[in-house]
């Protein structure tokens, strides 16, 4: 969680594209009350959006369609100002 929270700082220091792979991780399940992997879609999408907002250029996910849609909306909103 700390790395995700400070991802923008890490991106700035590395100067390279950063990949985030947080999809369905146990920590998401724990945040959702111990939910199993197949119940972590919304949490995984939220993490992907936060990672993109903080500068991740690549997001690894199990749920490509929902994540792609969420990132497309996020990108459009960010570009709109």
PDB file of N, CA and C in Angstrom:
ATOM      1  N   UNK A   1       0.821  -1.185   0.000  1.00  0.00           N
ATOM      2  CA  UNK A   1       0.000   0.000   0.000  1.00  0.00           C
ATOM      3  C   UNK A   1       0.869   1.255   0.000  1.00  0.00           C
ATOM      4  N   UNK A   2       1.959   1.195   0.742  1.00  0.00           N
ATOM      5  CA  UNK A   2       2.858   2.350   0.787  1.00  0.00           C
ATOM      6  C   UNK A   2       3.459   2.623  -0.592  1.00  0.00           C
ATOM      7  N   UNK A   3       3.867   1.562  -1.289  1.00  0.00           N
ATOM      8  CA  UNK A   3       4.422   1.757  -2.633  1.00  0.00           C
ATOM      9  C   UNK A   3       3.392   2.365  -3.576  1.00  0.00           C
ATOM     10  N   UNK A   4       2.170   1.880  -3.516  1.00  0.00           N
ATOM     11  CA  UNK A   4       1.129   2.440  -4.370  1.00  0.00           C
ATOM     12  C   UNK A   4       0.852   3.894  -4.007  1.00  0.00           C
ATOM     13  N   UNK A   5       0.801   4.177  -2.727  1.00  0.00           N
ATOM     14  CA  UNK A   5       0.540   5.536  -2.269  1.00  0.00           C
ATOM     15  C   UNK A   5       1.607   6.507  -2.766  1.00  0.00           C
ATOM     16  N   UNK A   6       2.838   6.040  -2.825  1.00  0.00           N
ATOM     17  CA  UNK A   6       3.967   6.908  -3.213  1.00  0.00           C
ATOM     18  C   UNK A   6       4.483   6.625  -4.610  1.00  0.00           C
ATOM     19  N   UNK A   7       3.678   5.978  -5.422  1.00  0.00           N
ATOM     20  CA  UNK A   7       4.104   5.565  -6.750  1.00  0.00           C
ATOM     21  C   UNK A   7       4.578   6.734  -7.600  1.00  0.00           C
ATOM     22  N   UNK A   8       3.930   7.884  -7.482  1.00  0.00           N
ATOM     23  CA  UNK A   8       4.342   9.039  -8.279  1.00  0.00           C
ATOM     24  C   UNK A   8       5.778   9.441  -7.978  1.00  0.00           C
ATOM     25  N   UNK A   9       6.184   9.306  -6.746  1.00  0.00           N
ATOM     26  CA  UNK A   9       7.575   9.632  -6.379  1.00  0.00           C
ATOM     27  C   UNK A   9       8.542   8.640  -7.005  1.00  0.00           C
ATOM     28  N   UNK A  10       8.158   7.367  -6.979  1.00  0.00           N
ATOM     29  CA  UNK A  10       9.008   6.323  -7.550  1.00  0.00           C
ATOM     30  C   UNK A  10       9.142   6.510  -9.059  1.00  0.00           C
ATOM     31  N   UNK A  11       8.043   6.814  -9.723  1.00  0.00           N
ATOM     32  CA  UNK A  11       8.060   7.040 -11.164  1.00  0.00           C
ATOM     33  C   UNK A  11       8.990   8.206 -11.490  1.00  0.00           C
ATOM     34  N   UNK A  12       8.899   9.271 -10.717  1.00  0.00           N
ATOM     35  CA  UNK A  12       9.751  10.437 -10.945  1.00  0.00           C
ATOM     36  C   UNK A  12      11.226  10.149 -10.779  1.00  0.00           C
ATOM     37  N   UNK A  13      11.565   9.295  -9.852  1.00  0.00           N
ATOM     38  CA  UNK A  13      12.975   8.977  -9.602  1.00  0.00           C
ATOM     39  C   UNK A  13      13.546   7.992 -10.604  1.00  0.00           C
ATOM     40  N   UNK A  14      12.731   7.047 -11.062  1.00  0.00           N
ATOM     41  CA  UNK A  14      13.231   6.030 -11.978  1.00  0.00           C
ATOM     42  C   UNK A  14      13.460   6.564 -13.376  1.00  0.00           C
ATOM     43  N   UNK A  15      12.541   7.416 -13.824  1.00  0.00           N
ATOM     44  CA  UNK A  15      12.661   7.945 -15.175  1.00  0.00           C
ATOM     45  C   UNK A  15      12.419   6.897 -16.251  1.00  0.00           C
ATOM     46  N   UNK A  16      11.806   5.792 -15.906  1.00  0.00           N
ATOM     47  CA  UNK A  16      11.500   4.708 -16.830  1.00  0.00           C
ATOM     48  C   UNK A  16      10.027   4.346 -16.692  1.00  0.00           C
ATOM     49  N   UNK A  17       9.430   3.752 -17.719  1.00  0.00           N
ATOM     50  CA  UNK A  17       8.045   3.286 -17.587  1.00  0.00           C
ATOM     51  C   UNK A  17       7.952   2.252 -16.459  1.00  0.00           C
ATOM     52  N   UNK A  18       6.899   2.331 -15.700  1.00  0.00           N
ATOM     53  CA  UNK A  18       6.734   1.444 -14.554  1.00  0.00           C
ATOM     54  C   UNK A  18       5.530   0.536 -14.758  1.00  0.00           C
ATOM     55  N   UNK A  19       5.717  -0.753 -14.499  1.00  0.00           N
ATOM     56  CA  UNK A  19       4.647  -1.741 -14.563  1.00  0.00           C
ATOM     57  C   UNK A  19       4.150  -2.009 -13.156  1.00  0.00           C
ATOM     58  N   UNK A  20       2.820  -2.047 -12.994  1.00  0.00           N
ATOM     59  CA  UNK A  20       2.213  -2.392 -11.713  1.00  0.00           C
ATOM     60  C   UNK A  20       1.383  -3.648 -11.921  1.00  0.00           C
ATOM     61  N   UNK A  21       1.606  -4.658 -11.098  1.00  0.00           N
ATOM     62  CA  UNK A  21       0.862  -5.910 -11.175  1.00  0.00           C
ATOM     63  C   UNK A  21       0.231  -6.223  -9.829  1.00  0.00           C
ATOM     64  N   UNK A  22      -0.932  -5.697  -9.576  1.00  0.00           N
ATOM     65  CA  UNK A  22      -1.574  -5.820  -8.262  1.00  0.00           C
ATOM     66  C   UNK A  22      -2.884  -6.588  -8.359  1.00  0.00           C
ATOM     67  N   UNK A  23      -3.224  -7.056  -9.541  1.00  0.00           N
ATOM     68  CA  UNK A  23      -4.506  -7.689  -9.799  1.00  0.00           C
ATOM     69  C   UNK A  23      -4.749  -8.908  -8.911  1.00  0.00           C
ATOM     70  N   UNK A  24      -5.862  -8.901  -8.213  1.00  0.00           N
ATOM     71  CA  UNK A  24      -6.339 -10.008  -7.369  1.00  0.00           C
ATOM     72  C   UNK A  24      -5.401 -10.386  -6.218  1.00  0.00           C
ATOM     73  N   UNK A  25      -4.488  -9.531  -5.867  1.00  0.00           N
ATOM     74  CA  UNK A  25      -3.534  -9.847  -4.797  1.00  0.00           C
ATOM     75  C   UNK A  25      -4.232 -10.017  -3.454  1.00  0.00           C
ATOM     76  N   UNK A  26      -3.615 -10.790  -2.591  1.00  0.00           N
ATOM     77  CA  UNK A  26      -4.158 -11.082  -1.266  1.00  0.00           C
ATOM     78  C   UNK A  26      -4.424  -9.818  -0.471  1.00  0.00           C
ATOM     79  N   UNK A  27      -3.562  -8.831  -0.611  1.00  0.00           N
ATOM     80  CA  UNK A  27      -3.757  -7.587   0.144  1.00  0.00           C
ATOM     81  C   UNK A  27      -5.068  -6.903  -0.249  1.00  0.00           C
ATOM     82  N   UNK A  28      -5.473  -7.013  -1.509  1.00  0.00           N
ATOM     83  CA  UNK A  28      -6.769  -6.477  -1.913  1.00  0.00           C
ATOM     84  C   UNK A  28      -7.873  -7.259  -1.220  1.00  0.00           C
ATOM     85  N   UNK A  29      -7.741  -8.574  -1.193  1.00  0.00           N
ATOM     86  CA  UNK A  29      -8.726  -9.402  -0.511  1.00  0.00           C
ATOM     87  C   UNK A  29      -8.847  -9.071   0.958  1.00  0.00           C
ATOM     88  N   UNK A  30      -7.709  -8.802   1.598  1.00  0.00           N
ATOM     89  CA  UNK A  30      -7.725  -8.442   3.015  1.00  0.00           C
ATOM     90  C   UNK A  30      -8.432  -7.111   3.233  1.00  0.00           C
ATOM     91  N   UNK A  31      -8.196  -6.148   2.339  1.00  0.00           N
ATOM     92  CA  UNK A  31      -8.878  -4.860   2.436  1.00  0.00           C
ATOM     93  C   UNK A  31     -10.387  -5.010   2.251  1.00  0.00           C
ATOM     94  N   UNK A  32     -10.784  -6.062   1.543  1.00  0.00           N
ATOM     95  CA  UNK A  32     -12.201  -6.316   1.282  1.00  0.00           C
ATOM     96  C   UNK A  32     -12.778  -7.357   2.232  1.00  0.00           C
ATOM     97  N   UNK A  33     -12.190  -7.496   3.397  1.00  0.00           N
ATOM     98  CA  UNK A  33     -12.742  -8.380   4.412  1.00  0.00           C
ATOM     99  C   UNK A  33     -12.431  -9.852   4.233  1.00  0.00           C
ATOM    100  N   UNK A  34     -11.340 -10.161   3.554  1.00  0.00           N
ATOM    101  CA  UNK A  34     -10.939 -11.555   3.383  1.00  0.00           C
ATOM    102  C   UNK A  34     -11.538 -12.215   2.156  1.00  0.00           C
ATOM    103  N   UNK A  35     -11.920 -11.417   1.200  1.00  0.00           N
ATOM    104  CA  UNK A  35     -12.557 -11.932  -0.008  1.00  0.00           C
ATOM    105  C   UNK A  35     -11.590 -12.808  -0.812  1.00  0.00           C
ATOM    106  N   UNK A  36     -12.084 -13.907  -1.399  1.00  0.00           N
ATOM    107  CA  UNK A  36     -11.237 -14.762  -2.237  1.00  0.00           C
ATOM    108  C   UNK A  36     -10.898 -14.072  -3.564  1.00  0.00           C
ATOM    109  N   UNK A  37      -9.927 -14.619  -4.282  1.00  0.00           N
ATOM    110  CA  UNK A  37      -9.419 -14.011  -5.512  1.00  0.00           C
ATOM    111  C   UNK A  37     -10.518 -13.716  -6.522  1.00  0.00           C
ATOM    112  N   UNK A  38     -11.498 -14.589  -6.670  1.00  0.00           N
ATOM    113  CA  UNK A  38     -12.529 -14.361  -7.675  1.00  0.00           C
ATOM    114  C   UNK A  38     -13.534 -13.270  -7.283  1.00  0.00           C
ATOM    115  N   UNK A  39     -13.380 -12.691  -6.094  1.00  0.00           N
ATOM    116  CA  UNK A  39     -14.242 -11.605  -5.647  1.00  0.00           C
ATOM    117  C   UNK A  39     -13.516 -10.282  -5.505  1.00  0.00           C
ATOM    118  N   UNK A  40     -12.383 -10.156  -6.152  1.00  0.00           N
ATOM    119  CA  UNK A  40     -11.544  -8.959  -5.988  1.00  0.00           C
ATOM    120  C   UNK A  40     -11.514  -8.056  -7.209  1.00  0.00           C
ATOM    121  N   UNK A  41     -12.445  -8.247  -8.148  1.00  0.00           N
ATOM    122  CA  UNK A  41     -12.439  -7.466  -9.387  1.00  0.00           C
ATOM    123  C   UNK A  41     -12.467  -5.973  -9.126  1.00  0.00           C
ATOM    124  N   UNK A  42     -13.421  -5.511  -8.352  1.00  0.00           N
ATOM    125  CA  UNK A  42     -13.565  -4.062  -8.141  1.00  0.00           C
ATOM    126  C   UNK A  42     -12.345  -3.477  -7.436  1.00  0.00           C
ATOM    127  N   UNK A  43     -11.814  -4.187  -6.481  1.00  0.00           N
ATOM    128  CA  UNK A  43     -10.610  -3.722  -5.801  1.00  0.00           C
ATOM    129  C   UNK A  43      -9.421  -3.672  -6.745  1.00  0.00           C
ATOM    130  N   UNK A  44      -9.296  -4.684  -7.604  1.00  0.00           N
ATOM    131  CA  UNK A  44      -8.197  -4.714  -8.574  1.00  0.00           C
ATOM    132  C   UNK A  44      -8.296  -3.566  -9.567  1.00  0.00           C
ATOM    133  N   UNK A  45      -9.510  -3.284 -10.024  1.00  0.00           N
ATOM    134  CA  UNK A  45      -9.708  -2.175 -10.964  1.00  0.00           C
ATOM    135  C   UNK A  45      -9.381  -0.850 -10.279  1.00  0.00           C
ATOM    136  N   UNK A  46      -9.786  -0.709  -9.027  1.00  0.00           N
ATOM    137  CA  UNK A  46      -9.483   0.527  -8.285  1.00  0.00           C
ATOM    138  C   UNK A  46      -7.979   0.734  -8.176  1.00  0.00           C
ATOM    139  N   UNK A  47      -7.250  -0.329  -7.887  1.00  0.00           N
ATOM    140  CA  UNK A  47      -5.796  -0.215  -7.781  1.00  0.00           C
ATOM    141  C   UNK A  47      -5.192   0.155  -9.137  1.00  0.00           C
ATOM    142  N   UNK A  48      -5.694  -0.430 -10.211  1.00  0.00           N
ATOM    143  CA  UNK A  48      -5.176  -0.101 -11.543  1.00  0.00           C
ATOM    144  C   UNK A  48      -5.379   1.376 -11.856  1.00  0.00           C
ATOM    145  N   UNK A  49      -6.549   1.901 -11.519  1.00  0.00           N
ATOM    146  CA  UNK A  49      -6.833   3.314 -11.752  1.00  0.00           C
ATOM    147  C   UNK A  49      -5.908   4.193 -10.922  1.00  0.00           C
ATOM    148  N   UNK A  50      -5.761   3.869  -9.651  1.00  0.00           N
ATOM    149  CA  UNK A  50      -4.861   4.653  -8.802  1.00  0.00           C
ATOM    150  C   UNK A  50      -3.429   4.604  -9.319  1.00  0.00           C
ATOM    151  N   UNK A  51      -2.992   3.432  -9.738  1.00  0.00           N
ATOM    152  CA  UNK A  51      -1.627   3.296 -10.264  1.00  0.00           C
ATOM    153  C   UNK A  51      -1.441   4.161 -11.513  1.00  0.00           C
ATOM    154  N   UNK A  52      -2.436   4.147 -12.401  1.00  0.00           N
ATOM    155  CA  UNK A  52      -2.343   4.961 -13.611  1.00  0.00           C
ATOM    156  C   UNK A  52      -2.315   6.448 -13.272  1.00  0.00           C
ATOM    157  N   UNK A  53      -3.144   6.858 -12.327  1.00  0.00           N
ATOM    158  CA  UNK A  53      -3.153   8.264 -11.913  1.00  0.00           C
ATOM    159  C   UNK A  53      -1.823   8.684 -11.323  1.00  0.00           C
ATOM    160  N   UNK A  54      -1.132   7.739 -10.727  1.00  0.00           N
ATOM    161  CA  UNK A  54       0.149   8.044 -10.086  1.00  0.00           C
ATOM    162  C   UNK A  54       1.348   7.798 -11.002  1.00  0.00           C
ATOM    163  N   UNK A  55       1.087   7.472 -12.274  1.00  0.00           N
ATOM    164  CA  UNK A  55       2.170   7.416 -13.248  1.00  0.00           C
ATOM    165  C   UNK A  55       2.550   6.060 -13.797  1.00  0.00           C
ATOM    166  N   UNK A  56       1.897   4.975 -13.383  1.00  0.00           N
ATOM    167  CA  UNK A  56       2.203   3.666 -13.963  1.00  0.00           C
ATOM    168  C   UNK A  56       1.858   3.696 -15.444  1.00  0.00           C
ATOM    169  N   UNK A  57       2.736   3.181 -16.262  1.00  0.00           N
ATOM    170  CA  UNK A  57       2.498   3.173 -17.706  1.00  0.00           C
ATOM    171  C   UNK A  57       1.953   1.837 -18.184  1.00  0.00           C
ATOM    172  N   UNK A  58       2.185   0.783 -17.397  1.00  0.00           N
ATOM    173  CA  UNK A  58       1.737  -0.560 -17.754  1.00  0.00           C
ATOM    174  C   UNK A  58       1.049  -1.156 -16.533  1.00  0.00           C
ATOM    175  N   UNK A  59      -0.115  -1.759 -16.754  1.00  0.00           N
ATOM    176  CA  UNK A  59      -0.841  -2.391 -15.659  1.00  0.00           C
ATOM    177  C   UNK A  59      -1.095  -3.845 -16.038  1.00  0.00           C
ATOM    178  N   UNK A  60      -0.610  -4.748 -15.230  1.00  0.00           N
ATOM    179  CA  UNK A  60      -0.846  -6.176 -15.441  1.00  0.00           C
ATOM    180  C   UNK A  60      -2.136  -6.541 -14.711  1.00  0.00           C
ATOM    181  N   UNK A  61      -3.039  -7.246 -15.412  1.00  0.00           N
ATOM    182  CA  UNK A  61      -4.326  -7.564 -14.811  1.00  0.00           C
ATOM    183  C   UNK A  61      -4.844  -8.915 -15.285  1.00  0.00           C
ATOM    184  N   UNK A  62      -5.675  -9.530 -14.462  1.00  0.00           N
ATOM    185  CA  UNK A  62      -6.374 -10.747 -14.854  1.00  0.00           C
ATOM    186  C   UNK A  62      -7.662 -10.405 -15.606  1.00  0.00           C
ATOM    187  N   UNK A  63      -8.198  -9.236 -15.343  1.00  0.00           N
ATOM    188  CA  UNK A  63      -9.517  -8.831 -15.848  1.00  0.00           C
ATOM    189  C   UNK A  63      -9.347  -7.702 -16.857  1.00  0.00           C
ATOM    190  N   UNK A  64      -8.964  -8.076 -18.067  1.00  0.00           N
ATOM    191  CA  UNK A  64      -8.565  -7.093 -19.069  1.00  0.00           C
ATOM    192  C   UNK A  64      -9.695  -6.138 -19.441  1.00  0.00           C
ATOM    193  N   UNK A  65     -10.868  -6.646 -19.756  1.00  0.00           N
ATOM    194  CA  UNK A  65     -11.967  -5.799 -20.209  1.00  0.00           C
ATOM    195  C   UNK A  65     -12.360  -4.721 -19.216  1.00  0.00           C
ATOM    196  N   UNK A  66     -12.722  -5.094 -17.980  1.00  0.00           N
ATOM    197  CA  UNK A  66     -13.107  -4.073 -17.005  1.00  0.00           C
ATOM    198  C   UNK A  66     -11.978  -3.094 -16.687  1.00  0.00           C
ATOM    199  N   UNK A  67     -10.765  -3.597 -16.637  1.00  0.00           N
ATOM    200  CA  UNK A  67      -9.624  -2.718 -16.325  1.00  0.00           C
ATOM    201  C   UNK A  67      -9.372  -1.758 -17.480  1.00  0.00           C
ATOM    202  N   UNK A  68      -9.430  -2.263 -18.701  1.00  0.00           N
ATOM    203  CA  UNK A  68      -9.236  -1.403 -19.880  1.00  0.00           C
ATOM    204  C   UNK A  68     -10.283  -0.293 -19.910  1.00  0.00           C
ATOM    205  N   UNK A  69     -11.550  -0.650 -19.646  1.00  0.00           N
ATOM    206  CA  UNK A  69     -12.612   0.358 -19.646  1.00  0.00           C
ATOM    207  C   UNK A  69     -12.383   1.417 -18.573  1.00  0.00           C
ATOM    208  N   UNK A  70     -12.046   0.979 -17.371  1.00  0.00           N
ATOM    209  CA  UNK A  70     -11.813   1.925 -16.274  1.00  0.00           C
ATOM    210  C   UNK A  70     -10.632   2.839 -16.594  1.00  0.00           C
ATOM    211  N   UNK A  71      -9.583   2.282 -17.180  1.00  0.00           N
ATOM    212  CA  UNK A  71      -8.416   3.098 -17.522  1.00  0.00           C
ATOM    213  C   UNK A  71      -8.731   4.061 -18.666  1.00  0.00           C
ATOM    214  N   UNK A  72      -9.577   3.653 -19.614  1.00  0.00           N
ATOM    215  CA  UNK A  72      -9.963   4.555 -20.707  1.00  0.00           C
ATOM    216  C   UNK A  72     -10.733   5.753 -20.166  1.00  0.00           C
ATOM    217  N   UNK A  73     -11.646   5.508 -19.242  1.00  0.00           N
ATOM    218  CA  UNK A  73     -12.405   6.604 -18.634  1.00  0.00           C
ATOM    219  C   UNK A  73     -11.468   7.492 -17.819  1.00  0.00           C
ATOM    220  N   UNK A  74     -10.571   6.875 -17.057  1.00  0.00           N
ATOM    221  CA  UNK A  74      -9.612   7.640 -16.254  1.00  0.00           C
ATOM    222  C   UNK A  74      -8.743   8.519 -17.140  1.00  0.00           C
ATOM    223  N   UNK A  75      -8.228   7.950 -18.226  1.00  0.00           N
ATOM    224  CA  UNK A  75      -7.372   8.714 -19.138  1.00  0.00           C
ATOM    225  C   UNK A  75      -8.140   9.889 -19.742  1.00  0.00           C
ATOM    226  N   UNK A  76      -9.381   9.643 -20.168  1.00  0.00           N
ATOM    227  CA  UNK A  76     -10.194  10.721 -20.735  1.00  0.00           C
ATOM    228  C   UNK A  76     -10.430  11.838 -19.730  1.00  0.00           C
ATOM    229  N   UNK A  77     -10.688  11.462 -18.499  1.00  0.00           N
ATOM    230  CA  UNK A  77     -10.916  12.470 -17.450  1.00  0.00           C
ATOM    231  C   UNK A  77      -9.631  13.257 -17.168  1.00  0.00           C
ATOM    232  N   UNK A  78      -8.501  12.569 -17.145  1.00  0.00           N
ATOM    233  CA  UNK A  78      -7.235  13.240 -16.879  1.00  0.00           C
ATOM    234  C   UNK A  78      -6.872  14.197 -18.013  1.00  0.00           C
ATOM    235  N   UNK A  79      -7.147  13.797 -19.255  1.00  0.00           N
ATOM    236  CA  UNK A  79      -6.838  14.641 -20.394  1.00  0.00           C
ATOM    237  C   UNK A  79      -7.774  15.843 -20.498  1.00  0.00           C
ATOM    238  N   UNK A  80      -8.971  15.696 -19.937  1.00  0.00           N
ATOM    239  CA  UNK A  80      -9.939  16.787 -19.976  1.00  0.00           C
ATOM    240  C   UNK A  80      -9.569  17.921 -19.025  1.00  0.00           C
ATOM    241  N   UNK A  81      -8.654  17.622 -18.133  1.00  0.00           N
ATOM    242  CA  UNK A  81      -8.170  18.663 -17.250  1.00  0.00           C
ATOM    243  C   UNK A  81      -8.748  18.565 -15.900  1.00  0.00           C
TER     244      UNK A  81
END
